[in-house]
Amino acid sequence: MYWEGNTAFVQMTGISDFIPENKGVVRMPYSNGLWIFNPVSKGVTEIIYQYQGDPGGNIPGWVANLFIVDGPYKTLIGMSEFALEMKLK
């Protein structure tokens, strides 16, 4: 994570051999992403999410597309819940 002014950037880079291979599991040979958090006004933050990945193997497009839509949404929900927990502590 790094900052430019009030804007936070979170860079994601996949490490394809971080976990040993498992038979029957498709690995992500390439993945790279970026989150940008830009405060717009008090209590309002613009969030930009960019991601590029290669799921490897023979994955149908409709399966890959499920993660394109659900992944960022579920991540934002989790981030929101985490932020609330931190605020309450």
PDB file of N, CA and C in Angstrom:
ATOM      1  N   MET A   1       0.849  -1.175   0.000  1.00  0.00           N
ATOM      2  CA  MET A   1       0.000   0.000   0.000  1.00  0.00           C
ATOM      3  C   MET A   1       0.889   1.231   0.000  1.00  0.00           C
ATOM      4  N   TYR A   2       0.483   2.204  -0.777  1.00  0.00           N
ATOM      5  CA  TYR A   2       1.208   3.467  -0.777  1.00  0.00           C
ATOM      6  C   TYR A   2       0.211   4.609  -0.954  1.00  0.00           C
ATOM      7  N   TRP A   3       0.665   5.786  -0.623  1.00  0.00           N
ATOM      8  CA  TRP A   3      -0.190   6.972  -0.649  1.00  0.00           C
ATOM      9  C   TRP A   3       0.358   8.006  -1.625  1.00  0.00           C
ATOM     10  N   GLU A   4      -0.536   8.712  -2.285  1.00  0.00           N
ATOM     11  CA  GLU A   4      -0.218   9.914  -3.043  1.00  0.00           C
ATOM     12  C   GLU A   4      -1.216  10.958  -2.576  1.00  0.00           C
ATOM     13  N   GLY A   5      -0.763  11.873  -1.729  1.00  0.00           N
ATOM     14  CA  GLY A   5      -1.673  12.826  -1.111  1.00  0.00           C
ATOM     15  C   GLY A   5      -2.629  12.087  -0.200  1.00  0.00           C
ATOM     16  N   ASN A   6      -3.930  12.300  -0.375  1.00  0.00           N
ATOM     17  CA  ASN A   6      -4.949  11.620   0.429  1.00  0.00           C
ATOM     18  C   ASN A   6      -5.451  10.330  -0.206  1.00  0.00           C
ATOM     19  N   THR A   7      -4.903   9.973  -1.355  1.00  0.00           N
ATOM     20  CA  THR A   7      -5.362   8.789  -2.090  1.00  0.00           C
ATOM     21  C   THR A   7      -4.477   7.590  -1.755  1.00  0.00           C
ATOM     22  N   ALA A   8      -5.132   6.469  -1.417  1.00  0.00           N
ATOM     23  CA  ALA A   8      -4.411   5.235  -1.087  1.00  0.00           C
ATOM     24  C   ALA A   8      -4.483   4.270  -2.275  1.00  0.00           C
ATOM     25  N   PHE A   9      -3.362   3.606  -2.528  1.00  0.00           N
ATOM     26  CA  PHE A   9      -3.256   2.626  -3.601  1.00  0.00           C
ATOM     27  C   PHE A   9      -2.842   1.295  -2.998  1.00  0.00           C
ATOM     28  N   VAL A  10      -3.546   0.228  -3.363  1.00  0.00           N
ATOM     29  CA  VAL A  10      -3.202  -1.120  -2.905  1.00  0.00           C
ATOM     30  C   VAL A  10      -2.948  -1.968  -4.144  1.00  0.00           C
ATOM     31  N   GLN A  11      -1.687  -2.348  -4.337  1.00  0.00           N
ATOM     32  CA  GLN A  11      -1.280  -3.143  -5.497  1.00  0.00           C
ATOM     33  C   GLN A  11      -1.316  -4.620  -5.134  1.00  0.00           C
ATOM     34  N   MET A  12      -1.872  -5.447  -6.019  1.00  0.00           N
ATOM     35  CA  MET A  12      -1.925  -6.898  -5.799  1.00  0.00           C
ATOM     36  C   MET A  12      -1.171  -7.586  -6.929  1.00  0.00           C
ATOM     37  N   THR A  13      -0.271  -8.479  -6.568  1.00  0.00           N
ATOM     38  CA  THR A  13       0.457  -9.257  -7.564  1.00  0.00           C
ATOM     39  C   THR A  13       0.424 -10.718  -7.131  1.00  0.00           C
ATOM     40  N   GLY A  14      -0.116 -11.577  -7.984  1.00  0.00           N
ATOM     41  CA  GLY A  14      -0.198 -12.996  -7.668  1.00  0.00           C
ATOM     42  C   GLY A  14       1.170 -13.659  -7.755  1.00  0.00           C
ATOM     43  N   ILE A  15       1.379 -14.618  -6.892  1.00  0.00           N
ATOM     44  CA  ILE A  15       2.601 -15.424  -6.906  1.00  0.00           C
ATOM     45  C   ILE A  15       2.153 -16.847  -7.213  1.00  0.00           C
ATOM     46  N   SER A  16       2.306 -17.254  -8.470  1.00  0.00           N
ATOM     47  CA  SER A  16       1.689 -18.498  -8.935  1.00  0.00           C
ATOM     48  C   SER A  16       2.193 -19.749  -8.221  1.00  0.00           C
ATOM     49  N   ASP A  17       3.412 -19.738  -7.718  1.00  0.00           N
ATOM     50  CA  ASP A  17       3.940 -20.941  -7.065  1.00  0.00           C
ATOM     51  C   ASP A  17       4.028 -20.797  -5.543  1.00  0.00           C
ATOM     52  N   PHE A  18       3.246 -19.871  -4.977  1.00  0.00           N
ATOM     53  CA  PHE A  18       3.280 -19.624  -3.533  1.00  0.00           C
ATOM     54  C   PHE A  18       2.797 -20.843  -2.747  1.00  0.00           C
ATOM     55  N   ILE A  19       1.777 -21.506  -3.262  1.00  0.00           N
ATOM     56  CA  ILE A  19       1.217 -22.706  -2.631  1.00  0.00           C
ATOM     57  C   ILE A  19       1.480 -23.876  -3.569  1.00  0.00           C
ATOM     58  N   PRO A  20       1.905 -25.009  -3.037  1.00  0.00           N
ATOM     59  CA  PRO A  20       2.156 -26.170  -3.906  1.00  0.00           C
ATOM     60  C   PRO A  20       0.916 -26.556  -4.708  1.00  0.00           C
ATOM     61  N   GLU A  21       1.149 -27.104  -5.895  1.00  0.00           N
ATOM     62  CA  GLU A  21       0.047 -27.516  -6.765  1.00  0.00           C
ATOM     63  C   GLU A  21      -0.748 -28.648  -6.138  1.00  0.00           C
ATOM     64  N   ASN A  22      -2.074 -28.628  -6.370  1.00  0.00           N
ATOM     65  CA  ASN A  22      -2.981 -29.697  -5.952  1.00  0.00           C
ATOM     66  C   ASN A  22      -3.633 -30.258  -7.197  1.00  0.00           C
ATOM     67  N   LYS A  23      -3.618 -31.570  -7.325  1.00  0.00           N
ATOM     68  CA  LYS A  23      -4.245 -32.210  -8.479  1.00  0.00           C
ATOM     69  C   LYS A  23      -5.736 -31.882  -8.495  1.00  0.00           C
ATOM     70  N   GLY A  24      -6.252 -31.508  -9.658  1.00  0.00           N
ATOM     71  CA  GLY A  24      -7.666 -31.208  -9.800  1.00  0.00           C
ATOM     72  C   GLY A  24      -8.029 -29.768  -9.483  1.00  0.00           C
ATOM     73  N   VAL A  25      -7.042 -28.944  -9.125  1.00  0.00           N
ATOM     74  CA  VAL A  25      -7.291 -27.538  -8.811  1.00  0.00           C
ATOM     75  C   VAL A  25      -6.611 -26.684  -9.879  1.00  0.00           C
ATOM     76  N   VAL A  26      -7.369 -25.774 -10.478  1.00  0.00           N
ATOM     77  CA  VAL A  26      -6.809 -24.893 -11.500  1.00  0.00           C
ATOM     78  C   VAL A  26      -6.087 -23.743 -10.811  1.00  0.00           C
ATOM     79  N   ARG A  27      -4.860 -23.503 -11.220  1.00  0.00           N
ATOM     80  CA  ARG A  27      -4.055 -22.425 -10.637  1.00  0.00           C
ATOM     81  C   ARG A  27      -4.199 -21.149 -11.462  1.00  0.00           C
ATOM     82  N   MET A  28      -3.944 -20.029 -10.839  1.00  0.00           N
ATOM     83  CA  MET A  28      -3.919 -18.740 -11.524  1.00  0.00           C
ATOM     84  C   MET A  28      -2.463 -18.442 -11.880  1.00  0.00           C
ATOM     85  N   PRO A  29      -2.036 -18.731 -13.098  1.00  0.00           N
ATOM     86  CA  PRO A  29      -0.643 -18.482 -13.443  1.00  0.00           C
ATOM     87  C   PRO A  29      -0.307 -16.991 -13.504  1.00  0.00           C
ATOM     88  N   TYR A  30      -1.335 -16.157 -13.683  1.00  0.00           N
ATOM     89  CA  TYR A  30      -1.089 -14.711 -13.732  1.00  0.00           C
ATOM     90  C   TYR A  30      -2.258 -13.981 -13.094  1.00  0.00           C
ATOM     91  N   SER A  31      -1.965 -13.074 -12.193  1.00  0.00           N
ATOM     92  CA  SER A  31      -2.989 -12.185 -11.644  1.00  0.00           C
ATOM     93  C   SER A  31      -2.315 -10.912 -11.146  1.00  0.00           C
ATOM     94  N   ASN A  32      -2.990  -9.806 -11.399  1.00  0.00           N
ATOM     95  CA  ASN A  32      -2.460  -8.503 -11.030  1.00  0.00           C
ATOM     96  C   ASN A  32      -3.643  -7.566 -10.836  1.00  0.00           C
ATOM     97  N   GLY A  33      -3.612  -6.772  -9.797  1.00  0.00           N
ATOM     98  CA  GLY A  33      -4.735  -5.882  -9.555  1.00  0.00           C
ATOM     99  C   GLY A  33      -4.338  -4.634  -8.779  1.00  0.00           C
ATOM    100  N   LEU A  34      -5.276  -3.705  -8.724  1.00  0.00           N
ATOM    101  CA  LEU A  34      -5.050  -2.435  -8.045  1.00  0.00           C
ATOM    102  C   LEU A  34      -6.366  -1.916  -7.477  1.00  0.00           C
ATOM    103  N   TRP A  35      -6.331  -1.514  -6.222  1.00  0.00           N
ATOM    104  CA  TRP A  35      -7.440  -0.795  -5.579  1.00  0.00           C
ATOM    105  C   TRP A  35      -6.963   0.644  -5.385  1.00  0.00           C
ATOM    106  N   ILE A  36      -7.836   1.605  -5.681  1.00  0.00           N
ATOM    107  CA  ILE A  36      -7.541   3.020  -5.438  1.00  0.00           C
ATOM    108  C   ILE A  36      -8.671   3.568  -4.568  1.00  0.00           C
ATOM    109  N   PHE A  37      -8.295   4.159  -3.439  1.00  0.00           N
ATOM    110  CA  PHE A  37      -9.259   4.747  -2.504  1.00  0.00           C
ATOM    111  C   PHE A  37      -9.028   6.257  -2.490  1.00  0.00           C
ATOM    112  N   ASN A  38      -9.993   6.991  -3.034  1.00  0.00           N
ATOM    113  CA  ASN A  38      -9.851   8.433  -3.171  1.00  0.00           C
ATOM    114  C   ASN A  38     -10.971   9.143  -2.405  1.00  0.00           C
ATOM    115  N   PRO A  39     -10.637   9.850  -1.315  1.00  0.00           N
ATOM    116  CA  PRO A  39     -11.688  10.555  -0.573  1.00  0.00           C
ATOM    117  C   PRO A  39     -12.292  11.682  -1.417  1.00  0.00           C
ATOM    118  N   VAL A  40     -13.615  11.687  -1.488  1.00  0.00           N
ATOM    119  CA  VAL A  40     -14.322  12.693  -2.278  1.00  0.00           C
ATOM    120  C   VAL A  40     -14.839  13.805  -1.371  1.00  0.00           C
ATOM    121  N   SER A  41     -15.446  13.423  -0.264  1.00  0.00           N
ATOM    122  CA  SER A  41     -15.943  14.371   0.733  1.00  0.00           C
ATOM    123  C   SER A  41     -16.026  13.639   2.069  1.00  0.00           C
ATOM    124  N   LYS A  42     -16.397  14.321   3.118  1.00  0.00           N
ATOM    125  CA  LYS A  42     -16.467  13.692   4.433  1.00  0.00           C
ATOM    126  C   LYS A  42     -17.419  12.491   4.394  1.00  0.00           C
ATOM    127  N   GLY A  43     -16.882  11.319   4.696  1.00  0.00           N
ATOM    128  CA  GLY A  43     -17.681  10.104   4.726  1.00  0.00           C
ATOM    129  C   GLY A  43     -17.923   9.458   3.365  1.00  0.00           C
ATOM    130  N   VAL A  44     -17.350  10.030   2.300  1.00  0.00           N
ATOM    131  CA  VAL A  44     -17.549   9.480   0.953  1.00  0.00           C
ATOM    132  C   VAL A  44     -16.184   9.209   0.317  1.00  0.00           C
ATOM    133  N   THR A  45     -16.000   7.968  -0.143  1.00  0.00           N
ATOM    134  CA  THR A  45     -14.752   7.579  -0.787  1.00  0.00           C
ATOM    135  C   THR A  45     -15.050   6.933  -2.128  1.00  0.00           C
ATOM    136  N   GLU A  46     -14.373   7.403  -3.158  1.00  0.00           N
ATOM    137  CA  GLU A  46     -14.454   6.769  -4.474  1.00  0.00           C
ATOM    138  C   GLU A  46     -13.498   5.575  -4.459  1.00  0.00           C
ATOM    139  N   ILE A  47     -13.983   4.421  -4.910  1.00  0.00           N
ATOM    140  CA  ILE A  47     -13.153   3.228  -4.952  1.00  0.00           C
ATOM    141  C   ILE A  47     -13.071   2.751  -6.398  1.00  0.00           C
ATOM    142  N   ILE A  48     -11.850   2.582  -6.873  1.00  0.00           N
ATOM    143  CA  ILE A  48     -11.610   2.084  -8.220  1.00  0.00           C
ATOM    144  C   ILE A  48     -10.900   0.746  -8.083  1.00  0.00           C
ATOM    145  N   TYR A  49     -11.392  -0.236  -8.798  1.00  0.00           N
ATOM    146  CA  TYR A  49     -10.818  -1.584  -8.753  1.00  0.00           C
ATOM    147  C   TYR A  49     -10.460  -2.006 -10.165  1.00  0.00           C
ATOM    148  N   GLN A  50      -9.209  -2.386 -10.359  1.00  0.00           N
ATOM    149  CA  GLN A  50      -8.756  -2.898 -11.655  1.00  0.00           C
ATOM    150  C   GLN A  50      -8.131  -4.259 -11.413  1.00  0.00           C
ATOM    151  N   TYR A  51      -8.437  -5.214 -12.293  1.00  0.00           N
ATOM    152  CA  TYR A  51      -7.879  -6.553 -12.129  1.00  0.00           C
ATOM    153  C   TYR A  51      -7.690  -7.201 -13.484  1.00  0.00           C
ATOM    154  N   GLN A  52      -6.604  -7.919 -13.591  1.00  0.00           N
ATOM    155  CA  GLN A  52      -6.325  -8.684 -14.795  1.00  0.00           C
ATOM    156  C   GLN A  52      -5.788 -10.033 -14.357  1.00  0.00           C
ATOM    157  N   GLY A  53      -6.345 -11.096 -14.906  1.00  0.00           N
ATOM    158  CA  GLY A  53      -5.882 -12.419 -14.500  1.00  0.00           C
ATOM    159  C   GLY A  53      -6.092 -13.456 -15.579  1.00  0.00           C
ATOM    160  N   ASP A  54      -5.346 -14.518 -15.474  1.00  0.00           N
ATOM    161  CA  ASP A  54      -5.464 -15.657 -16.373  1.00  0.00           C
ATOM    162  C   ASP A  54      -5.741 -16.864 -15.497  1.00  0.00           C
ATOM    163  N   PRO A  55      -6.964 -17.417 -15.541  1.00  0.00           N
ATOM    164  CA  PRO A  55      -7.283 -18.525 -14.652  1.00  0.00           C
ATOM    165  C   PRO A  55      -6.590 -19.831 -15.021  1.00  0.00           C
ATOM    166  N   GLY A  56      -5.952 -19.900 -16.173  1.00  0.00           N
ATOM    167  CA  GLY A  56      -5.278 -21.134 -16.560  1.00  0.00           C
ATOM    168  C   GLY A  56      -6.272 -22.266 -16.752  1.00  0.00           C
ATOM    169  N   GLY A  57      -5.808 -23.350 -17.278  1.00  0.00           N
ATOM    170  CA  GLY A  57      -6.688 -24.508 -17.454  1.00  0.00           C
ATOM    171  C   GLY A  57      -7.795 -24.242 -18.439  1.00  0.00           C
ATOM    172  N   ASN A  58      -8.793 -25.060 -18.385  1.00  0.00           N
ATOM    173  CA  ASN A  58      -9.914 -24.979 -19.308  1.00  0.00           C
ATOM    174  C   ASN A  58     -11.158 -24.602 -18.520  1.00  0.00           C
ATOM    175  N   ILE A  59     -11.319 -23.317 -18.243  1.00  0.00           N
ATOM    176  CA  ILE A  59     -12.441 -22.829 -17.440  1.00  0.00           C
ATOM    177  C   ILE A  59     -13.449 -22.152 -18.366  1.00  0.00           C
ATOM    178  N   PRO A  60     -14.715 -22.561 -18.312  1.00  0.00           N
ATOM    179  CA  PRO A  60     -15.731 -21.904 -19.154  1.00  0.00           C
ATOM    180  C   PRO A  60     -15.860 -20.424 -18.792  1.00  0.00           C
ATOM    181  N   GLY A  61     -16.118 -19.610 -19.804  1.00  0.00           N
ATOM    182  CA  GLY A  61     -16.252 -18.175 -19.585  1.00  0.00           C
ATOM    183  C   GLY A  61     -17.289 -17.817 -18.543  1.00  0.00           C
ATOM    184  N   TRP A  62     -18.424 -18.525 -18.512  1.00  0.00           N
ATOM    185  CA  TRP A  62     -19.481 -18.193 -17.553  1.00  0.00           C
ATOM    186  C   TRP A  62     -19.013 -18.403 -16.117  1.00  0.00           C
ATOM    187  N   VAL A  63     -18.119 -19.376 -15.896  1.00  0.00           N
ATOM    188  CA  VAL A  63     -17.598 -19.600 -14.538  1.00  0.00           C
ATOM    189  C   VAL A  63     -16.654 -18.467 -14.159  1.00  0.00           C
ATOM    190  N   ALA A  64     -15.744 -18.122 -15.053  1.00  0.00           N
ATOM    191  CA  ALA A  64     -14.818 -17.022 -14.795  1.00  0.00           C
ATOM    192  C   ALA A  64     -15.581 -15.724 -14.548  1.00  0.00           C
ATOM    193  N   ASN A  65     -16.658 -15.492 -15.306  1.00  0.00           N
ATOM    194  CA  ASN A  65     -17.443 -14.263 -15.158  1.00  0.00           C
ATOM    195  C   ASN A  65     -18.128 -14.160 -13.800  1.00  0.00           C
ATOM    196  N   LEU A  66     -18.417 -15.293 -13.154  1.00  0.00           N
ATOM    197  CA  LEU A  66     -19.013 -15.251 -11.816  1.00  0.00           C
ATOM    198  C   LEU A  66     -18.097 -14.515 -10.843  1.00  0.00           C
ATOM    199  N   PHE A  67     -16.804 -14.763 -10.968  1.00  0.00           N
ATOM    200  CA  PHE A  67     -15.845 -14.147 -10.063  1.00  0.00           C
ATOM    201  C   PHE A  67     -15.587 -12.686 -10.403  1.00  0.00           C
ATOM    202  N   ILE A  68     -15.750 -12.343 -11.663  1.00  0.00           N
ATOM    203  CA  ILE A  68     -15.554 -10.953 -12.080  1.00  0.00           C
ATOM    204  C   ILE A  68     -16.573 -10.053 -11.393  1.00  0.00           C
ATOM    205  N   VAL A  69     -17.797 -10.525 -11.269  1.00  0.00           N
ATOM    206  CA  VAL A  69     -18.860  -9.727 -10.661  1.00  0.00           C
ATOM    207  C   VAL A  69     -18.856  -9.879  -9.142  1.00  0.00           C
ATOM    208  N   ASP A  70     -18.844 -11.105  -8.651  1.00  0.00           N
ATOM    209  CA  ASP A  70     -18.987 -11.359  -7.215  1.00  0.00           C
ATOM    210  C   ASP A  70     -17.740 -11.028  -6.403  1.00  0.00           C
ATOM    211  N   GLY A  71     -16.568 -11.245  -6.973  1.00  0.00           N
ATOM    212  CA  GLY A  71     -15.323 -11.039  -6.224  1.00  0.00           C
ATOM    213  C   GLY A  71     -15.175  -9.643  -5.657  1.00  0.00           C
ATOM    214  N   PRO A  72     -15.215  -8.598  -6.498  1.00  0.00           N
ATOM    215  CA  PRO A  72     -15.071  -7.237  -5.972  1.00  0.00           C
ATOM    216  C   PRO A  72     -16.185  -6.858  -4.993  1.00  0.00           C
ATOM    217  N   TYR A  73     -17.423  -7.276  -5.290  1.00  0.00           N
ATOM    218  CA  TYR A  73     -18.552  -6.951  -4.418  1.00  0.00           C
ATOM    219  C   TYR A  73     -18.353  -7.560  -3.030  1.00  0.00           C
ATOM    220  N   LYS A  74     -18.030  -8.849  -2.992  1.00  0.00           N
ATOM    221  CA  LYS A  74     -17.827  -9.518  -1.704  1.00  0.00           C
ATOM    222  C   LYS A  74     -16.634  -8.939  -0.956  1.00  0.00           C
ATOM    223  N   THR A  75     -15.607  -8.547  -1.685  1.00  0.00           N
ATOM    224  CA  THR A  75     -14.444  -7.929  -1.050  1.00  0.00           C
ATOM    225  C   THR A  75     -14.829  -6.596  -0.420  1.00  0.00           C
ATOM    226  N   LEU A  76     -15.608  -5.786  -1.133  1.00  0.00           N
ATOM    227  CA  LEU A  76     -16.040  -4.491  -0.584  1.00  0.00           C
ATOM    228  C   LEU A  76     -16.917  -4.671   0.651  1.00  0.00           C
ATOM    229  N   ILE A  77     -17.788  -5.660   0.637  1.00  0.00           N
ATOM    230  CA  ILE A  77     -18.620  -5.933   1.814  1.00  0.00           C
ATOM    231  C   ILE A  77     -17.718  -6.298   2.995  1.00  0.00           C
ATOM    232  N   GLY A  78     -16.749  -7.177   2.756  1.00  0.00           N
ATOM    233  CA  GLY A  78     -15.814  -7.568   3.813  1.00  0.00           C
ATOM    234  C   GLY A  78     -15.000  -6.396   4.329  1.00  0.00           C
ATOM    235  N   MET A  79     -14.561  -5.529   3.416  1.00  0.00           N
ATOM    236  CA  MET A  79     -13.785  -4.356   3.824  1.00  0.00           C
ATOM    237  C   MET A  79     -14.645  -3.418   4.669  1.00  0.00           C
ATOM    238  N   SER A  80     -15.895  -3.259   4.284  1.00  0.00           N
ATOM    239  CA  SER A  80     -16.812  -2.402   5.032  1.00  0.00           C
ATOM    240  C   SER A  80     -17.033  -2.949   6.443  1.00  0.00           C
ATOM    241  N   GLU A  81     -17.249  -4.254   6.558  1.00  0.00           N
ATOM    242  CA  GLU A  81     -17.445  -4.873   7.872  1.00  0.00           C
ATOM    243  C   GLU A  81     -16.186  -4.742   8.727  1.00  0.00           C
ATOM    244  N   PHE A  82     -15.020  -4.935   8.117  1.00  0.00           N
ATOM    245  CA  PHE A  82     -13.754  -4.807   8.837  1.00  0.00           C
ATOM    246  C   PHE A  82     -13.565  -3.371   9.339  1.00  0.00           C
ATOM    247  N   ALA A  83     -13.856  -2.392   8.475  1.00  0.00           N
ATOM    248  CA  ALA A  83     -13.722  -0.979   8.866  1.00  0.00           C
ATOM    249  C   ALA A  83     -14.637  -0.652  10.034  1.00  0.00           C
ATOM    250  N   LEU A  84     -15.863  -1.191  10.009  1.00  0.00           N
ATOM    251  CA  LEU A  84     -16.795  -0.968  11.119  1.00  0.00           C
ATOM    252  C   LEU A  84     -16.262  -1.561  12.423  1.00  0.00           C
ATOM    253  N   GLU A  85     -15.717  -2.776  12.338  1.00  0.00           N
ATOM    254  CA  GLU A  85     -15.135  -3.415  13.526  1.00  0.00           C
ATOM    255  C   GLU A  85     -13.994  -2.577  14.098  1.00  0.00           C
ATOM    256  N   MET A  86     -13.144  -2.062  13.231  1.00  0.00           N
ATOM    257  CA  MET A  86     -11.999  -1.263  13.681  1.00  0.00           C
ATOM    258  C   MET A  86     -12.475   0.041  14.316  1.00  0.00           C
ATOM    259  N   LYS A  87     -13.551   0.615  13.755  1.00  0.00           N
ATOM    260  CA  LYS A  87     -14.084   1.868  14.283  1.00  0.00           C
ATOM    261  C   LYS A  87     -14.682   1.654  15.680  1.00  0.00           C
ATOM    262  N   LEU A  88     -15.286   0.475  15.903  1.00  0.00           N
ATOM    263  CA  LEU A  88     -15.933   0.198  17.172  1.00  0.00           C
ATOM    264  C   LEU A  88     -14.945  -0.159  18.272  1.00  0.00           C
ATOM    265  N   LYS A  89     -13.724  -0.482  17.922  1.00  0.00           N
ATOM    266  CA  LYS A  89     -12.716  -0.860  18.944  1.00  0.00           C
ATOM    267  C   LYS A  89     -12.130   0.349  19.610  1.00  0.00           C
TER     268      LYS A  89
END
